[in-house]
Amino acid sequence: MIEKLEKELKELNIKRGKLSKFLSKQNKKTLSANQRTLLLEQKQVMAKYVKVLKLRIKDLKEAK
């Protein structure tokens, strides 16, 4: 279970990094304001998801 969660965390961090890089390269001409807002919200949700995964991994390790 821990290994599966760690793999998921790693993949999520990679996706979050790609999204951050994508957002840093975009400007008002390439993304609509609504799309930019939605992508920023997606990035925030991904950060919260990372936090939850880390807490779950920590909890499972401590339960051993």
N, C-alpha and C. Protein backbone atom coordinates (compact mmCIF):
# COMPACT_ATOMS: atom_id res chain seq x y z
N MET A 1 0.82 -1.19 0.00
CA MET A 1 0.00 0.00 0.00
C MET A 1 0.88 1.26 0.00
N ILE A 2 1.89 1.28 0.84
CA ILE A 2 2.77 2.45 0.92
C ILE A 2 3.47 2.69 -0.41
N GLU A 3 3.93 1.62 -1.03
CA GLU A 3 4.63 1.75 -2.31
C GLU A 3 3.71 2.34 -3.37
N LYS A 4 2.46 1.90 -3.38
CA LYS A 4 1.49 2.41 -4.34
C LYS A 4 1.25 3.91 -4.12
N LEU A 5 1.12 4.31 -2.87
CA LEU A 5 0.91 5.73 -2.57
C LEU A 5 2.13 6.56 -2.91
N GLU A 6 3.32 6.03 -2.66
CA GLU A 6 4.55 6.75 -2.99
C GLU A 6 4.69 6.92 -4.51
N LYS A 7 4.28 5.90 -5.26
CA LYS A 7 4.31 6.00 -6.73
C LYS A 7 3.33 7.07 -7.19
N GLU A 8 2.14 7.06 -6.61
CA GLU A 8 1.13 8.05 -6.96
C GLU A 8 1.62 9.46 -6.63
N LEU A 9 2.26 9.61 -5.48
CA LEU A 9 2.81 10.90 -5.07
C LEU A 9 3.87 11.38 -6.05
N LYS A 10 4.74 10.49 -6.44
CA LYS A 10 5.81 10.85 -7.38
C LYS A 10 5.22 11.32 -8.72
N GLU A 11 4.24 10.57 -9.21
CA GLU A 11 3.61 10.92 -10.49
C GLU A 11 2.87 12.25 -10.39
N LEU A 12 2.21 12.47 -9.28
CA LEU A 12 1.48 13.72 -9.09
C LEU A 12 2.43 14.90 -9.03
N ASN A 13 3.55 14.73 -8.34
CA ASN A 13 4.54 15.81 -8.27
C ASN A 13 5.11 16.14 -9.65
N ILE A 14 5.29 15.13 -10.48
CA ILE A 14 5.78 15.36 -11.85
C ILE A 14 4.74 16.17 -12.63
N LYS A 15 3.48 15.77 -12.54
CA LYS A 15 2.41 16.48 -13.24
C LYS A 15 2.27 17.91 -12.74
N ARG A 16 2.39 18.08 -11.43
CA ARG A 16 2.28 19.42 -10.85
C ARG A 16 3.42 20.31 -11.33
N GLY A 17 4.61 19.74 -11.41
CA GLY A 17 5.76 20.48 -11.91
C GLY A 17 5.58 20.90 -13.38
N LYS A 18 5.05 19.98 -14.18
CA LYS A 18 4.79 20.30 -15.58
C LYS A 18 3.75 21.40 -15.71
N LEU A 19 2.73 21.35 -14.86
CA LEU A 19 1.69 22.38 -14.89
C LEU A 19 2.29 23.73 -14.50
N SER A 20 3.12 23.75 -13.47
CA SER A 20 3.77 25.00 -13.05
C SER A 20 4.62 25.58 -14.17
N LYS A 21 5.38 24.72 -14.83
CA LYS A 21 6.22 25.16 -15.93
C LYS A 21 5.37 25.70 -17.07
N PHE A 22 4.29 25.00 -17.39
CA PHE A 22 3.38 25.44 -18.44
C PHE A 22 2.80 26.81 -18.11
N LEU A 23 2.34 27.00 -16.89
CA LEU A 23 1.74 28.26 -16.49
C LEU A 23 2.74 29.42 -16.54
N SER A 24 3.97 29.13 -16.20
CA SER A 24 4.98 30.19 -16.20
C SER A 24 5.33 30.67 -17.61
N LYS A 25 5.06 29.82 -18.59
CA LYS A 25 5.38 30.18 -19.98
C LYS A 25 4.21 30.82 -20.72
N GLN A 26 3.02 30.77 -20.12
CA GLN A 26 1.83 31.28 -20.79
C GLN A 26 1.62 32.76 -20.49
N ASN A 27 0.95 33.42 -21.40
CA ASN A 27 0.56 34.80 -21.16
C ASN A 27 -0.89 35.00 -21.58
N LYS A 28 -1.37 36.21 -21.49
CA LYS A 28 -2.77 36.48 -21.79
C LYS A 28 -3.15 36.16 -23.22
N LYS A 29 -2.18 36.14 -24.10
CA LYS A 29 -2.48 35.86 -25.51
C LYS A 29 -2.68 34.37 -25.76
N THR A 30 -2.01 33.53 -24.98
CA THR A 30 -2.08 32.09 -25.25
C THR A 30 -3.13 31.37 -24.41
N LEU A 31 -3.53 31.96 -23.31
CA LEU A 31 -4.55 31.35 -22.44
C LEU A 31 -5.62 32.39 -22.11
N SER A 32 -6.86 31.97 -22.16
CA SER A 32 -7.92 32.89 -21.74
C SER A 32 -7.83 33.07 -20.23
N ALA A 33 -8.41 34.14 -19.75
CA ALA A 33 -8.39 34.42 -18.31
C ALA A 33 -9.07 33.28 -17.55
N ASN A 34 -10.15 32.77 -18.11
CA ASN A 34 -10.87 31.68 -17.45
C ASN A 34 -10.03 30.41 -17.38
N GLN A 35 -9.36 30.08 -18.49
CA GLN A 35 -8.50 28.89 -18.50
C GLN A 35 -7.36 29.03 -17.51
N ARG A 36 -6.76 30.19 -17.45
CA ARG A 36 -5.66 30.43 -16.50
C ARG A 36 -6.16 30.27 -15.07
N THR A 37 -7.32 30.85 -14.78
CA THR A 37 -7.90 30.73 -13.44
C THR A 37 -8.16 29.27 -13.08
N LEU A 38 -8.72 28.53 -14.03
CA LEU A 38 -9.01 27.12 -13.78
C LEU A 38 -7.74 26.30 -13.58
N LEU A 39 -6.71 26.59 -14.36
CA LEU A 39 -5.45 25.86 -14.21
C LEU A 39 -4.77 26.19 -12.88
N LEU A 40 -4.88 27.44 -12.45
CA LEU A 40 -4.32 27.80 -11.14
C LEU A 40 -5.07 27.09 -10.02
N GLU A 41 -6.37 26.98 -10.17
CA GLU A 41 -7.16 26.25 -9.17
C GLU A 41 -6.78 24.77 -9.17
N GLN A 42 -6.58 24.22 -10.37
CA GLN A 42 -6.15 22.83 -10.48
C GLN A 42 -4.82 22.62 -9.77
N LYS A 43 -3.90 23.55 -9.95
CA LYS A 43 -2.59 23.47 -9.30
C LYS A 43 -2.73 23.48 -7.78
N GLN A 44 -3.62 24.32 -7.26
CA GLN A 44 -3.85 24.38 -5.81
C GLN A 44 -4.43 23.07 -5.28
N VAL A 45 -5.36 22.50 -6.03
CA VAL A 45 -5.96 21.23 -5.63
C VAL A 45 -4.91 20.13 -5.64
N MET A 46 -4.05 20.15 -6.63
CA MET A 46 -2.98 19.16 -6.72
C MET A 46 -2.05 19.28 -5.51
N ALA A 47 -1.76 20.50 -5.09
CA ALA A 47 -0.91 20.71 -3.92
C ALA A 47 -1.56 20.14 -2.67
N LYS A 48 -2.85 20.33 -2.54
CA LYS A 48 -3.57 19.77 -1.38
C LYS A 48 -3.56 18.24 -1.44
N TYR A 49 -3.73 17.69 -2.62
CA TYR A 49 -3.69 16.25 -2.82
C TYR A 49 -2.32 15.69 -2.43
N VAL A 50 -1.26 16.39 -2.80
CA VAL A 50 0.10 15.98 -2.41
C VAL A 50 0.21 15.94 -0.89
N LYS A 51 -0.30 16.95 -0.24
CA LYS A 51 -0.25 17.03 1.22
C LYS A 51 -0.98 15.84 1.85
N VAL A 52 -2.16 15.52 1.33
CA VAL A 52 -2.94 14.40 1.87
C VAL A 52 -2.21 13.08 1.64
N LEU A 53 -1.65 12.89 0.47
CA LEU A 53 -0.90 11.66 0.20
C LEU A 53 0.27 11.51 1.16
N LYS A 54 0.99 12.60 1.40
CA LYS A 54 2.12 12.55 2.33
C LYS A 54 1.66 12.18 3.74
N LEU A 55 0.54 12.74 4.16
CA LEU A 55 0.01 12.42 5.48
C LEU A 55 -0.42 10.95 5.57
N ARG A 56 -1.02 10.45 4.51
CA ARG A 56 -1.42 9.03 4.50
C ARG A 56 -0.20 8.12 4.57
N ILE A 57 0.83 8.45 3.80
CA ILE A 57 2.06 7.64 3.81
C ILE A 57 2.68 7.66 5.21
N LYS A 58 2.77 8.84 5.79
CA LYS A 58 3.34 8.98 7.13
C LYS A 58 2.55 8.15 8.14
N ASP A 59 1.23 8.23 8.06
CA ASP A 59 0.37 7.49 8.99
C ASP A 59 0.58 5.98 8.84
N LEU A 60 0.65 5.50 7.61
CA LEU A 60 0.85 4.06 7.38
C LEU A 60 2.21 3.61 7.89
N LYS A 61 3.24 4.44 7.71
CA LYS A 61 4.58 4.08 8.18
C LYS A 61 4.63 4.03 9.70
N GLU A 62 3.93 4.96 10.34
CA GLU A 62 3.92 5.00 11.80
C GLU A 62 3.12 3.84 12.39
N ALA A 63 2.16 3.32 11.64
CA ALA A 63 1.31 2.24 12.12
C ALA A 63 2.02 0.88 12.09
N LYS A 64 3.13 0.83 11.39
CA LYS A 64 3.88 -0.45 11.29
C LYS A 64 4.49 -0.85 12.62
